[in-house]
Amino acid sequence: MRKVLVLTLLCSSLAVAQQYTYTKEGELMLPKDYRKWVFLSSGLGMTYNQNATPNGNPPFENVFVNPVAYLWFIKTGTWPDKTIMILEARASESRISINKDGRVQTNLVAIEVHVKDSARGGWAFYGFHNGGERGTLFPKTADCYSCHEQNGATDTTFVQFYPTLIEAAKKNGTYKDTGH
């Protein structure tokens, strides 16, 4: 039984590790197939700025996670090393085609990635400018690091916004009620 568990964990780790790569300059390469990954949630017009003004054309934010990390989280309530979460921001429009009300997603606005890589110091954020294939590491002084540490419901991630994960985190005792 123990050999099977070790082999399963090893295979899982390898599968997670193969989901993304870095350039020799330390840039993160955007996984080309991320839209086939597990879709966690979509937000509309989300902002963390308390002084934000209403946006008449709010963006959609779609979150995807690599499949092996998702399965691991469902079982354990924790994110394994090599987890990669992709936030894809898209513009929204109304009154397109036959749609008379509501909003639909349109053009890509930005991509940001949250990666858990112990070989590179743990969780990190990368930005992909203009839909590029190479992501630049955000400095550790960027607000996203402290915001995620203070407000993330599980392991610096916003599980509180991912309905399919809340139950797994609570069941495994890893959910932190952030009061938000």
N, C-alpha and C. Protein backbone atom coordinates (compact mmCIF):
# COMPACT_ATOMS: atom_id res chain seq x y z
N MET A 1 0.83 -1.19 0.00
CA MET A 1 0.00 0.00 0.00
C MET A 1 0.87 1.25 0.00
N ARG A 2 1.92 1.25 0.82
CA ARG A 2 2.80 2.42 0.91
C ARG A 2 3.50 2.69 -0.42
N LYS A 3 3.94 1.61 -1.10
CA LYS A 3 4.61 1.77 -2.40
C LYS A 3 3.66 2.39 -3.42
N VAL A 4 2.41 1.99 -3.39
CA VAL A 4 1.42 2.55 -4.31
C VAL A 4 1.22 4.03 -4.04
N LEU A 5 1.14 4.41 -2.76
CA LEU A 5 0.96 5.81 -2.39
C LEU A 5 2.16 6.64 -2.84
N VAL A 6 3.36 6.15 -2.59
CA VAL A 6 4.57 6.87 -2.99
C VAL A 6 4.61 7.03 -4.50
N LEU A 7 4.29 5.97 -5.24
CA LEU A 7 4.29 6.03 -6.69
C LEU A 7 3.23 7.02 -7.19
N THR A 8 2.06 7.00 -6.58
CA THR A 8 1.00 7.94 -6.96
C THR A 8 1.44 9.38 -6.73
N LEU A 9 2.06 9.65 -5.57
CA LEU A 9 2.53 10.99 -5.28
C LEU A 9 3.62 11.42 -6.24
N LEU A 10 4.53 10.51 -6.58
CA LEU A 10 5.60 10.82 -7.52
C LEU A 10 5.03 11.14 -8.89
N CYS A 11 4.12 10.33 -9.37
CA CYS A 11 3.50 10.59 -10.68
C CYS A 11 2.73 11.90 -10.67
N SER A 12 2.03 12.17 -9.59
CA SER A 12 1.30 13.43 -9.47
C SER A 12 2.24 14.62 -9.52
N SER A 13 3.36 14.52 -8.79
CA SER A 13 4.34 15.61 -8.77
C SER A 13 4.91 15.84 -10.15
N LEU A 14 5.23 14.78 -10.86
CA LEU A 14 5.77 14.92 -12.21
C LEU A 14 4.75 15.54 -13.15
N ALA A 15 3.50 15.12 -13.05
CA ALA A 15 2.47 15.67 -13.92
C ALA A 15 2.28 17.16 -13.66
N VAL A 16 2.32 17.56 -12.37
CA VAL A 16 2.19 18.98 -12.05
C VAL A 16 3.38 19.74 -12.58
N ALA A 17 4.59 19.19 -12.39
CA ALA A 17 5.81 19.87 -12.79
C ALA A 17 5.85 20.12 -14.29
N GLN A 18 5.23 19.30 -15.07
CA GLN A 18 5.28 19.44 -16.52
C GLN A 18 4.27 20.44 -17.06
N GLN A 19 3.55 21.14 -16.22
CA GLN A 19 2.52 22.07 -16.67
C GLN A 19 3.07 23.42 -17.13
N TYR A 20 4.30 23.76 -16.73
CA TYR A 20 4.85 25.06 -17.11
C TYR A 20 6.37 25.01 -17.10
N THR A 21 6.99 25.99 -17.76
CA THR A 21 8.45 26.08 -17.82
C THR A 21 8.88 27.53 -17.69
N TYR A 22 10.15 27.72 -17.36
CA TYR A 22 10.76 29.03 -17.28
C TYR A 22 11.80 29.19 -18.39
N THR A 23 12.03 30.42 -18.81
CA THR A 23 13.12 30.69 -19.73
C THR A 23 14.41 30.76 -18.93
N LYS A 24 15.54 30.79 -19.60
CA LYS A 24 16.82 30.90 -18.88
C LYS A 24 16.94 32.25 -18.19
N GLU A 25 16.13 33.24 -18.62
CA GLU A 25 16.13 34.56 -17.98
C GLU A 25 15.20 34.60 -16.77
N GLY A 26 14.50 33.50 -16.49
CA GLY A 26 13.61 33.44 -15.34
C GLY A 26 12.18 33.86 -15.63
N GLU A 27 11.85 34.07 -16.90
CA GLU A 27 10.47 34.40 -17.26
C GLU A 27 9.64 33.11 -17.27
N LEU A 28 8.39 33.23 -16.97
CA LEU A 28 7.48 32.08 -16.98
C LEU A 28 6.83 31.99 -18.35
N MET A 29 6.87 30.82 -18.94
CA MET A 29 6.21 30.61 -20.23
C MET A 29 4.74 30.29 -19.98
N LEU A 30 3.87 30.98 -20.70
CA LEU A 30 2.42 30.76 -20.55
C LEU A 30 2.04 29.40 -21.14
N PRO A 31 1.44 28.54 -20.34
CA PRO A 31 0.99 27.25 -20.88
C PRO A 31 -0.05 27.48 -21.97
N LYS A 32 0.18 26.94 -23.13
CA LYS A 32 -0.70 27.18 -24.28
C LYS A 32 -2.09 26.56 -24.10
N ASP A 33 -2.19 25.51 -23.32
CA ASP A 33 -3.46 24.81 -23.18
C ASP A 33 -4.24 25.18 -21.92
N TYR A 34 -3.91 26.30 -21.26
CA TYR A 34 -4.53 26.60 -19.97
C TYR A 34 -6.05 26.69 -20.04
N ARG A 35 -6.62 27.01 -21.19
CA ARG A 35 -8.08 27.10 -21.28
C ARG A 35 -8.74 25.73 -21.24
N LYS A 36 -7.94 24.67 -21.31
CA LYS A 36 -8.46 23.30 -21.16
C LYS A 36 -8.34 22.83 -19.71
N TRP A 37 -7.76 23.65 -18.85
CA TRP A 37 -7.58 23.29 -17.45
C TRP A 37 -8.91 23.42 -16.70
N VAL A 38 -8.87 23.19 -15.42
CA VAL A 38 -10.07 23.29 -14.59
C VAL A 38 -10.43 24.76 -14.40
N PHE A 39 -11.66 25.08 -14.76
CA PHE A 39 -12.19 26.44 -14.60
C PHE A 39 -12.70 26.56 -13.17
N LEU A 40 -12.15 27.51 -12.41
CA LEU A 40 -12.56 27.67 -11.01
C LEU A 40 -13.71 28.64 -10.84
N SER A 41 -13.65 29.78 -11.55
CA SER A 41 -14.68 30.78 -11.35
C SER A 41 -14.47 31.94 -12.32
N SER A 42 -15.48 32.78 -12.39
CA SER A 42 -15.39 34.00 -13.17
C SER A 42 -16.00 35.13 -12.34
N GLY A 43 -15.27 36.23 -12.26
CA GLY A 43 -15.78 37.40 -11.56
C GLY A 43 -16.02 38.50 -12.58
N LEU A 44 -16.89 39.43 -12.25
CA LEU A 44 -17.19 40.55 -13.14
C LEU A 44 -16.97 41.84 -12.38
N GLY A 45 -16.01 42.64 -12.86
CA GLY A 45 -15.76 43.95 -12.27
C GLY A 45 -15.18 43.90 -10.88
N MET A 46 -14.48 42.84 -10.54
CA MET A 46 -13.91 42.73 -9.20
C MET A 46 -12.76 43.70 -9.02
N THR A 47 -12.74 44.35 -7.87
CA THR A 47 -11.65 45.24 -7.51
C THR A 47 -11.43 45.14 -6.02
N TYR A 48 -10.19 45.35 -5.60
CA TYR A 48 -9.87 45.29 -4.18
C TYR A 48 -9.58 46.68 -3.63
N ASN A 49 -9.72 47.69 -4.46
CA ASN A 49 -9.49 49.07 -4.08
C ASN A 49 -10.75 49.64 -3.44
N GLN A 50 -10.67 50.03 -2.17
CA GLN A 50 -11.85 50.54 -1.47
C GLN A 50 -12.34 51.87 -2.02
N ASN A 51 -11.49 52.59 -2.74
CA ASN A 51 -11.88 53.87 -3.31
C ASN A 51 -12.23 53.78 -4.79
N ALA A 52 -12.48 52.57 -5.26
CA ALA A 52 -12.78 52.38 -6.68
C ALA A 52 -14.12 53.02 -7.04
N THR A 53 -14.18 53.54 -8.24
CA THR A 53 -15.43 54.11 -8.75
C THR A 53 -16.11 53.07 -9.63
N PRO A 54 -17.42 53.12 -9.74
CA PRO A 54 -18.13 52.15 -10.58
C PRO A 54 -17.60 52.18 -12.02
N ASN A 55 -17.49 51.00 -12.60
CA ASN A 55 -17.00 50.86 -13.96
C ASN A 55 -18.16 50.46 -14.85
N GLY A 56 -18.50 51.30 -15.80
CA GLY A 56 -19.61 51.02 -16.72
C GLY A 56 -19.32 49.87 -17.67
N ASN A 57 -18.06 49.50 -17.79
CA ASN A 57 -17.67 48.40 -18.67
C ASN A 57 -16.70 47.48 -17.90
N PRO A 58 -17.21 46.78 -16.88
CA PRO A 58 -16.31 46.00 -16.02
C PRO A 58 -15.74 44.78 -16.73
N PRO A 59 -14.48 44.45 -16.43
CA PRO A 59 -13.89 43.25 -17.04
C PRO A 59 -14.32 41.97 -16.34
N PHE A 60 -14.31 40.89 -17.09
CA PHE A 60 -14.48 39.56 -16.53
C PHE A 60 -13.10 39.05 -16.14
N GLU A 61 -13.03 38.29 -15.06
CA GLU A 61 -11.78 37.64 -14.67
C GLU A 61 -12.06 36.15 -14.52
N ASN A 62 -11.46 35.35 -15.38
CA ASN A 62 -11.62 33.90 -15.38
C ASN A 62 -10.40 33.28 -14.72
N VAL A 63 -10.62 32.30 -13.85
CA VAL A 63 -9.51 31.65 -13.15
C VAL A 63 -9.48 30.16 -13.52
N PHE A 64 -8.28 29.72 -13.93
CA PHE A 64 -8.04 28.33 -14.29
C PHE A 64 -6.90 27.79 -13.43
N VAL A 65 -6.93 26.49 -13.12
CA VAL A 65 -5.85 25.85 -12.38
C VAL A 65 -5.48 24.55 -13.08
N ASN A 66 -4.19 24.18 -13.00
CA ASN A 66 -3.77 22.95 -13.64
C ASN A 66 -4.51 21.77 -13.00
N PRO A 67 -4.91 20.80 -13.82
CA PRO A 67 -5.78 19.71 -13.35
C PRO A 67 -5.25 18.90 -12.19
N VAL A 68 -3.97 18.57 -12.17
CA VAL A 68 -3.43 17.75 -11.09
C VAL A 68 -3.49 18.50 -9.77
N ALA A 69 -3.20 19.80 -9.80
CA ALA A 69 -3.29 20.60 -8.58
C ALA A 69 -4.72 20.65 -8.06
N TYR A 70 -5.68 20.77 -8.98
CA TYR A 70 -7.09 20.78 -8.59
C TYR A 70 -7.47 19.48 -7.88
N LEU A 71 -7.10 18.35 -8.47
CA LEU A 71 -7.44 17.05 -7.87
C LEU A 71 -6.79 16.90 -6.50
N TRP A 72 -5.56 17.36 -6.38
CA TRP A 72 -4.84 17.29 -5.11
C TRP A 72 -5.57 18.15 -4.07
N PHE A 73 -5.99 19.34 -4.48
CA PHE A 73 -6.69 20.24 -3.55
C PHE A 73 -8.00 19.62 -3.08
N ILE A 74 -8.75 19.03 -3.99
CA ILE A 74 -10.02 18.41 -3.62
C ILE A 74 -9.80 17.32 -2.56
N LYS A 75 -8.71 16.57 -2.68
CA LYS A 75 -8.42 15.49 -1.72
C LYS A 75 -7.87 16.00 -0.40
N THR A 76 -7.03 17.04 -0.44
CA THR A 76 -6.28 17.44 0.75
C THR A 76 -6.61 18.82 1.31
N GLY A 77 -7.22 19.68 0.49
CA GLY A 77 -7.47 21.05 0.93
C GLY A 77 -6.24 21.92 0.88
N THR A 78 -5.17 21.43 0.26
CA THR A 78 -3.93 22.20 0.11
C THR A 78 -3.49 22.18 -1.34
N TRP A 79 -2.69 23.17 -1.70
CA TRP A 79 -2.14 23.23 -3.06
C TRP A 79 -0.77 22.56 -3.07
N PRO A 80 -0.53 21.64 -3.99
CA PRO A 80 0.79 21.01 -4.07
C PRO A 80 1.81 21.97 -4.69
N ASP A 81 3.08 21.65 -4.47
CA ASP A 81 4.13 22.39 -5.15
C ASP A 81 3.91 22.24 -6.66
N LYS A 82 4.22 23.26 -7.39
CA LYS A 82 4.06 23.34 -8.86
C LYS A 82 2.63 23.67 -9.28
N THR A 83 1.79 24.10 -8.32
CA THR A 83 0.46 24.57 -8.68
C THR A 83 0.60 25.84 -9.52
N ILE A 84 -0.23 25.96 -10.52
CA ILE A 84 -0.25 27.18 -11.33
C ILE A 84 -1.71 27.58 -11.55
N MET A 85 -2.01 28.82 -11.17
CA MET A 85 -3.36 29.39 -11.34
C MET A 85 -3.25 30.56 -12.31
N ILE A 86 -4.14 30.58 -13.28
CA ILE A 86 -4.10 31.63 -14.30
C ILE A 86 -5.35 32.49 -14.20
N LEU A 87 -5.13 33.79 -14.09
CA LEU A 87 -6.20 34.78 -14.09
C LEU A 87 -6.20 35.44 -15.46
N GLU A 88 -7.27 35.22 -16.19
CA GLU A 88 -7.42 35.78 -17.53
C GLU A 88 -8.47 36.89 -17.47
N ALA A 89 -8.06 38.12 -17.72
CA ALA A 89 -9.01 39.24 -17.71
C ALA A 89 -9.45 39.52 -19.14
N ARG A 90 -10.75 39.66 -19.33
CA ARG A 90 -11.32 39.95 -20.64
C ARG A 90 -12.29 41.13 -20.52
N ALA A 91 -12.30 41.93 -21.56
CA ALA A 91 -13.23 43.06 -21.61
C ALA A 91 -14.65 42.51 -21.67
N SER A 92 -15.60 43.34 -21.25
CA SER A 92 -17.01 42.94 -21.36
C SER A 92 -17.74 43.95 -22.24
N GLU A 93 -18.75 43.46 -22.89
CA GLU A 93 -19.57 44.31 -23.76
C GLU A 93 -21.03 43.95 -23.55
N SER A 94 -21.89 44.87 -23.90
CA SER A 94 -23.32 44.65 -23.84
C SER A 94 -23.91 44.98 -25.21
N ARG A 95 -25.06 44.48 -25.46
CA ARG A 95 -25.78 44.76 -26.71
C ARG A 95 -24.98 44.33 -27.95
N ILE A 96 -24.46 43.12 -27.88
CA ILE A 96 -23.76 42.53 -29.02
C ILE A 96 -24.68 41.52 -29.66
N SER A 97 -24.75 41.56 -30.97
CA SER A 97 -25.57 40.63 -31.74
C SER A 97 -27.02 40.73 -31.26
N ILE A 98 -27.61 39.64 -30.86
CA ILE A 98 -29.01 39.66 -30.43
C ILE A 98 -29.18 39.96 -28.95
N ASN A 99 -28.07 40.08 -28.20
CA ASN A 99 -28.12 40.36 -26.77
C ASN A 99 -28.60 41.78 -26.52
N LYS A 100 -29.66 41.95 -25.76
CA LYS A 100 -30.22 43.28 -25.46
C LYS A 100 -29.89 43.75 -24.05
N ASP A 101 -29.43 42.84 -23.20
CA ASP A 101 -29.09 43.18 -21.83
C ASP A 101 -28.03 42.20 -21.35
N GLY A 102 -27.40 42.50 -20.25
CA GLY A 102 -26.36 41.62 -19.74
C GLY A 102 -25.02 41.89 -20.41
N ARG A 103 -24.03 41.12 -20.04
CA ARG A 103 -22.67 41.33 -20.54
C ARG A 103 -22.10 40.02 -21.06
N VAL A 104 -21.23 40.13 -22.05
CA VAL A 104 -20.50 38.98 -22.58
C VAL A 104 -19.01 39.31 -22.57
N GLN A 105 -18.19 38.27 -22.56
CA GLN A 105 -16.74 38.46 -22.58
C GLN A 105 -16.27 38.71 -24.02
N THR A 106 -15.27 39.58 -24.14
CA THR A 106 -14.73 39.86 -25.47
C THR A 106 -13.20 39.75 -25.44
N ASN A 107 -12.51 40.78 -25.81
CA ASN A 107 -11.06 40.76 -26.00
C ASN A 107 -10.27 40.50 -24.72
N LEU A 108 -9.13 39.84 -24.89
CA LEU A 108 -8.20 39.62 -23.80
C LEU A 108 -7.61 40.95 -23.36
N VAL A 109 -7.63 41.21 -22.06
CA VAL A 109 -7.10 42.45 -21.50
C VAL A 109 -5.75 42.20 -20.82
N ALA A 110 -5.67 41.12 -20.04
CA ALA A 110 -4.44 40.83 -19.31
C ALA A 110 -4.45 39.38 -18.84
N ILE A 111 -3.26 38.88 -18.55
CA ILE A 111 -3.11 37.56 -17.93
C ILE A 111 -2.11 37.72 -16.79
N GLU A 112 -2.51 37.20 -15.63
CA GLU A 112 -1.61 37.14 -14.48
C GLU A 112 -1.61 35.71 -13.98
N VAL A 113 -0.47 35.27 -13.47
CA VAL A 113 -0.32 33.89 -13.04
C VAL A 113 0.22 33.84 -11.62
N HIS A 114 -0.33 32.93 -10.84
CA HIS A 114 0.08 32.69 -9.45
C HIS A 114 0.65 31.28 -9.42
N VAL A 115 1.94 31.15 -9.11
CA VAL A 115 2.64 29.87 -9.17
C VAL A 115 3.21 29.51 -7.80
N LYS A 116 3.03 28.26 -7.40
CA LYS A 116 3.65 27.77 -6.17
C LYS A 116 4.83 26.89 -6.58
N ASP A 117 6.02 27.41 -6.35
CA ASP A 117 7.23 26.70 -6.76
C ASP A 117 8.28 26.84 -5.66
N SER A 118 8.42 25.80 -4.85
CA SER A 118 9.33 25.86 -3.71
C SER A 118 10.78 26.08 -4.15
N ALA A 119 11.14 25.63 -5.34
CA ALA A 119 12.50 25.83 -5.84
C ALA A 119 12.80 27.30 -6.13
N ARG A 120 11.75 28.12 -6.22
CA ARG A 120 11.90 29.54 -6.51
C ARG A 120 11.35 30.40 -5.38
N GLY A 121 11.24 29.85 -4.18
CA GLY A 121 10.84 30.63 -3.02
C GLY A 121 9.38 30.58 -2.65
N GLY A 122 8.61 29.69 -3.22
CA GLY A 122 7.19 29.58 -2.88
C GLY A 122 6.30 30.29 -3.89
N TRP A 123 5.19 30.82 -3.40
CA TRP A 123 4.22 31.47 -4.29
C TRP A 123 4.82 32.73 -4.92
N ALA A 124 4.52 32.93 -6.21
CA ALA A 124 4.98 34.11 -6.93
C ALA A 124 3.93 34.50 -7.97
N PHE A 125 3.99 35.75 -8.39
CA PHE A 125 3.07 36.28 -9.40
C PHE A 125 3.84 36.71 -10.64
N TYR A 126 3.25 36.45 -11.79
CA TYR A 126 3.83 36.83 -13.07
C TYR A 126 2.78 37.55 -13.91
N GLY A 127 3.21 38.56 -14.64
CA GLY A 127 2.33 39.28 -15.54
C GLY A 127 2.72 39.05 -16.98
N PHE A 128 1.73 38.84 -17.83
CA PHE A 128 1.93 38.62 -19.26
C PHE A 128 1.36 39.82 -19.99
N HIS A 129 2.23 40.70 -20.43
CA HIS A 129 1.80 41.94 -21.06
C HIS A 129 1.36 41.72 -22.50
N ASN A 130 0.25 42.35 -22.85
CA ASN A 130 -0.29 42.29 -24.21
C ASN A 130 -0.49 40.86 -24.70
N GLY A 131 -0.87 39.97 -23.81
CA GLY A 131 -1.13 38.59 -24.21
C GLY A 131 0.11 37.83 -24.63
N GLY A 132 1.27 38.29 -24.19
CA GLY A 132 2.53 37.66 -24.57
C GLY A 132 2.69 36.26 -24.01
N GLU A 133 3.68 35.55 -24.52
CA GLU A 133 3.94 34.17 -24.11
C GLU A 133 4.86 34.09 -22.90
N ARG A 134 5.56 35.19 -22.56
CA ARG A 134 6.52 35.18 -21.46
C ARG A 134 6.05 36.12 -20.37
N GLY A 135 6.01 35.58 -19.15
CA GLY A 135 5.57 36.38 -18.01
C GLY A 135 6.72 36.88 -17.19
N THR A 136 6.60 38.12 -16.73
CA THR A 136 7.61 38.75 -15.90
C THR A 136 7.22 38.64 -14.43
N LEU A 137 8.19 38.27 -13.61
CA LEU A 137 7.97 38.13 -12.18
C LEU A 137 7.65 39.48 -11.56
N PHE A 138 6.56 39.55 -10.77
CA PHE A 138 6.25 40.76 -10.02
C PHE A 138 7.21 40.82 -8.83
N PRO A 139 7.70 42.00 -8.50
CA PRO A 139 8.59 42.10 -7.33
C PRO A 139 7.83 41.74 -6.05
N LYS A 140 8.54 41.20 -5.07
CA LYS A 140 7.92 40.79 -3.80
C LYS A 140 7.28 41.96 -3.06
N THR A 141 7.59 43.19 -3.47
CA THR A 141 6.99 44.38 -2.86
C THR A 141 5.64 44.72 -3.48
N ALA A 142 5.24 44.02 -4.54
CA ALA A 142 3.95 44.29 -5.19
C ALA A 142 2.81 43.98 -4.22
N ASP A 143 1.75 44.78 -4.30
CA ASP A 143 0.60 44.63 -3.40
C ASP A 143 -0.04 43.24 -3.44
N CYS A 144 0.06 42.55 -4.57
CA CYS A 144 -0.60 41.25 -4.68
C CYS A 144 -0.09 40.26 -3.63
N TYR A 145 1.20 40.33 -3.29
CA TYR A 145 1.74 39.40 -2.30
C TYR A 145 1.11 39.62 -0.93
N SER A 146 1.12 40.85 -0.43
CA SER A 146 0.58 41.11 0.91
C SER A 146 -0.94 40.92 0.93
N CYS A 147 -1.62 41.29 -0.13
CA CYS A 147 -3.07 41.13 -0.19
C CYS A 147 -3.45 39.65 -0.13
N HIS A 148 -2.76 38.82 -0.89
CA HIS A 148 -3.04 37.38 -0.88
C HIS A 148 -2.69 36.76 0.47
N GLU A 149 -1.60 37.20 1.08
CA GLU A 149 -1.23 36.65 2.39
C GLU A 149 -2.27 37.02 3.45
N GLN A 150 -2.77 38.24 3.41
CA GLN A 150 -3.73 38.70 4.42
C GLN A 150 -5.14 38.20 4.16
N ASN A 151 -5.53 38.07 2.89
CA ASN A 151 -6.92 37.82 2.56
C ASN A 151 -7.23 36.47 1.92
N GLY A 152 -6.20 35.72 1.57
CA GLY A 152 -6.44 34.41 0.96
C GLY A 152 -7.04 33.44 1.96
N ALA A 153 -8.10 32.77 1.57
CA ALA A 153 -8.78 31.84 2.47
C ALA A 153 -7.99 30.55 2.67
N THR A 154 -7.15 30.19 1.70
CA THR A 154 -6.35 28.97 1.81
C THR A 154 -5.02 29.15 1.10
N ASP A 155 -3.93 29.06 1.84
CA ASP A 155 -2.59 29.06 1.26
C ASP A 155 -2.38 30.23 0.29
N THR A 156 -2.68 31.41 0.70
CA THR A 156 -2.54 32.68 -0.05
C THR A 156 -3.38 32.72 -1.32
N THR A 157 -4.36 31.84 -1.45
CA THR A 157 -5.23 31.87 -2.63
C THR A 157 -6.64 32.24 -2.21
N PHE A 158 -7.37 32.85 -3.12
CA PHE A 158 -8.71 33.34 -2.83
C PHE A 158 -9.76 32.24 -3.04
N VAL A 159 -9.60 31.15 -2.29
CA VAL A 159 -10.54 30.05 -2.36
C VAL A 159 -11.96 30.52 -2.05
N GLN A 160 -12.10 31.59 -1.28
CA GLN A 160 -13.44 32.11 -0.95
C GLN A 160 -14.22 32.54 -2.20
N PHE A 161 -13.52 32.71 -3.33
CA PHE A 161 -14.19 33.09 -4.59
C PHE A 161 -14.38 31.90 -5.53
N TYR A 162 -13.97 30.70 -5.09
CA TYR A 162 -14.06 29.51 -5.93
C TYR A 162 -15.04 28.52 -5.30
N PRO A 163 -16.31 28.60 -5.63
CA PRO A 163 -17.33 27.78 -4.97
C PRO A 163 -17.04 26.29 -4.96
N THR A 164 -16.38 25.78 -5.99
CA THR A 164 -16.12 24.34 -6.06
C THR A 164 -15.02 23.89 -5.10
N LEU A 165 -14.29 24.84 -4.50
CA LEU A 165 -13.19 24.48 -3.60
C LEU A 165 -13.46 24.74 -2.13
N ILE A 166 -14.42 25.58 -1.83
CA ILE A 166 -14.69 25.96 -0.44
C ILE A 166 -14.96 24.73 0.42
N GLU A 167 -15.82 23.84 -0.04
CA GLU A 167 -16.17 22.65 0.74
C GLU A 167 -14.94 21.79 1.01
N ALA A 168 -14.09 21.59 0.02
CA ALA A 168 -12.88 20.77 0.21
C ALA A 168 -11.95 21.39 1.25
N ALA A 169 -11.80 22.70 1.19
CA ALA A 169 -10.92 23.38 2.16
C ALA A 169 -11.50 23.29 3.57
N LYS A 170 -12.80 23.50 3.70
CA LYS A 170 -13.43 23.40 5.02
C LYS A 170 -13.35 21.97 5.56
N LYS A 171 -13.62 20.98 4.71
CA LYS A 171 -13.57 19.57 5.13
C LYS A 171 -12.18 19.19 5.62
N ASN A 172 -11.15 19.74 5.00
CA ASN A 172 -9.77 19.41 5.37
C ASN A 172 -9.16 20.36 6.39
N GLY A 173 -9.96 21.31 6.87
CA GLY A 173 -9.49 22.23 7.92
C GLY A 173 -8.48 23.26 7.46
N THR A 174 -8.47 23.58 6.16
CA THR A 174 -7.50 24.55 5.64
C THR A 174 -8.14 25.88 5.27
N TYR A 175 -9.44 26.00 5.49
CA TYR A 175 -10.15 27.23 5.09
C TYR A 175 -10.09 28.25 6.21
N LYS A 176 -9.63 29.45 5.87
CA LYS A 176 -9.57 30.56 6.82
C LYS A 176 -10.71 31.52 6.46
N ASP A 177 -11.61 31.73 7.40
CA ASP A 177 -12.71 32.67 7.16
C ASP A 177 -12.13 34.08 7.19
N THR A 178 -12.12 34.72 6.03
CA THR A 178 -11.52 36.05 5.92
C THR A 178 -12.51 37.17 6.22
N GLY A 179 -13.77 36.80 6.46
CA GLY A 179 -14.77 37.83 6.78
C GLY A 179 -15.16 38.67 5.58
N HIS A 180 -14.84 38.21 4.41
CA HIS A 180 -15.13 38.97 3.19
C HIS A 180 -16.21 38.29 2.40
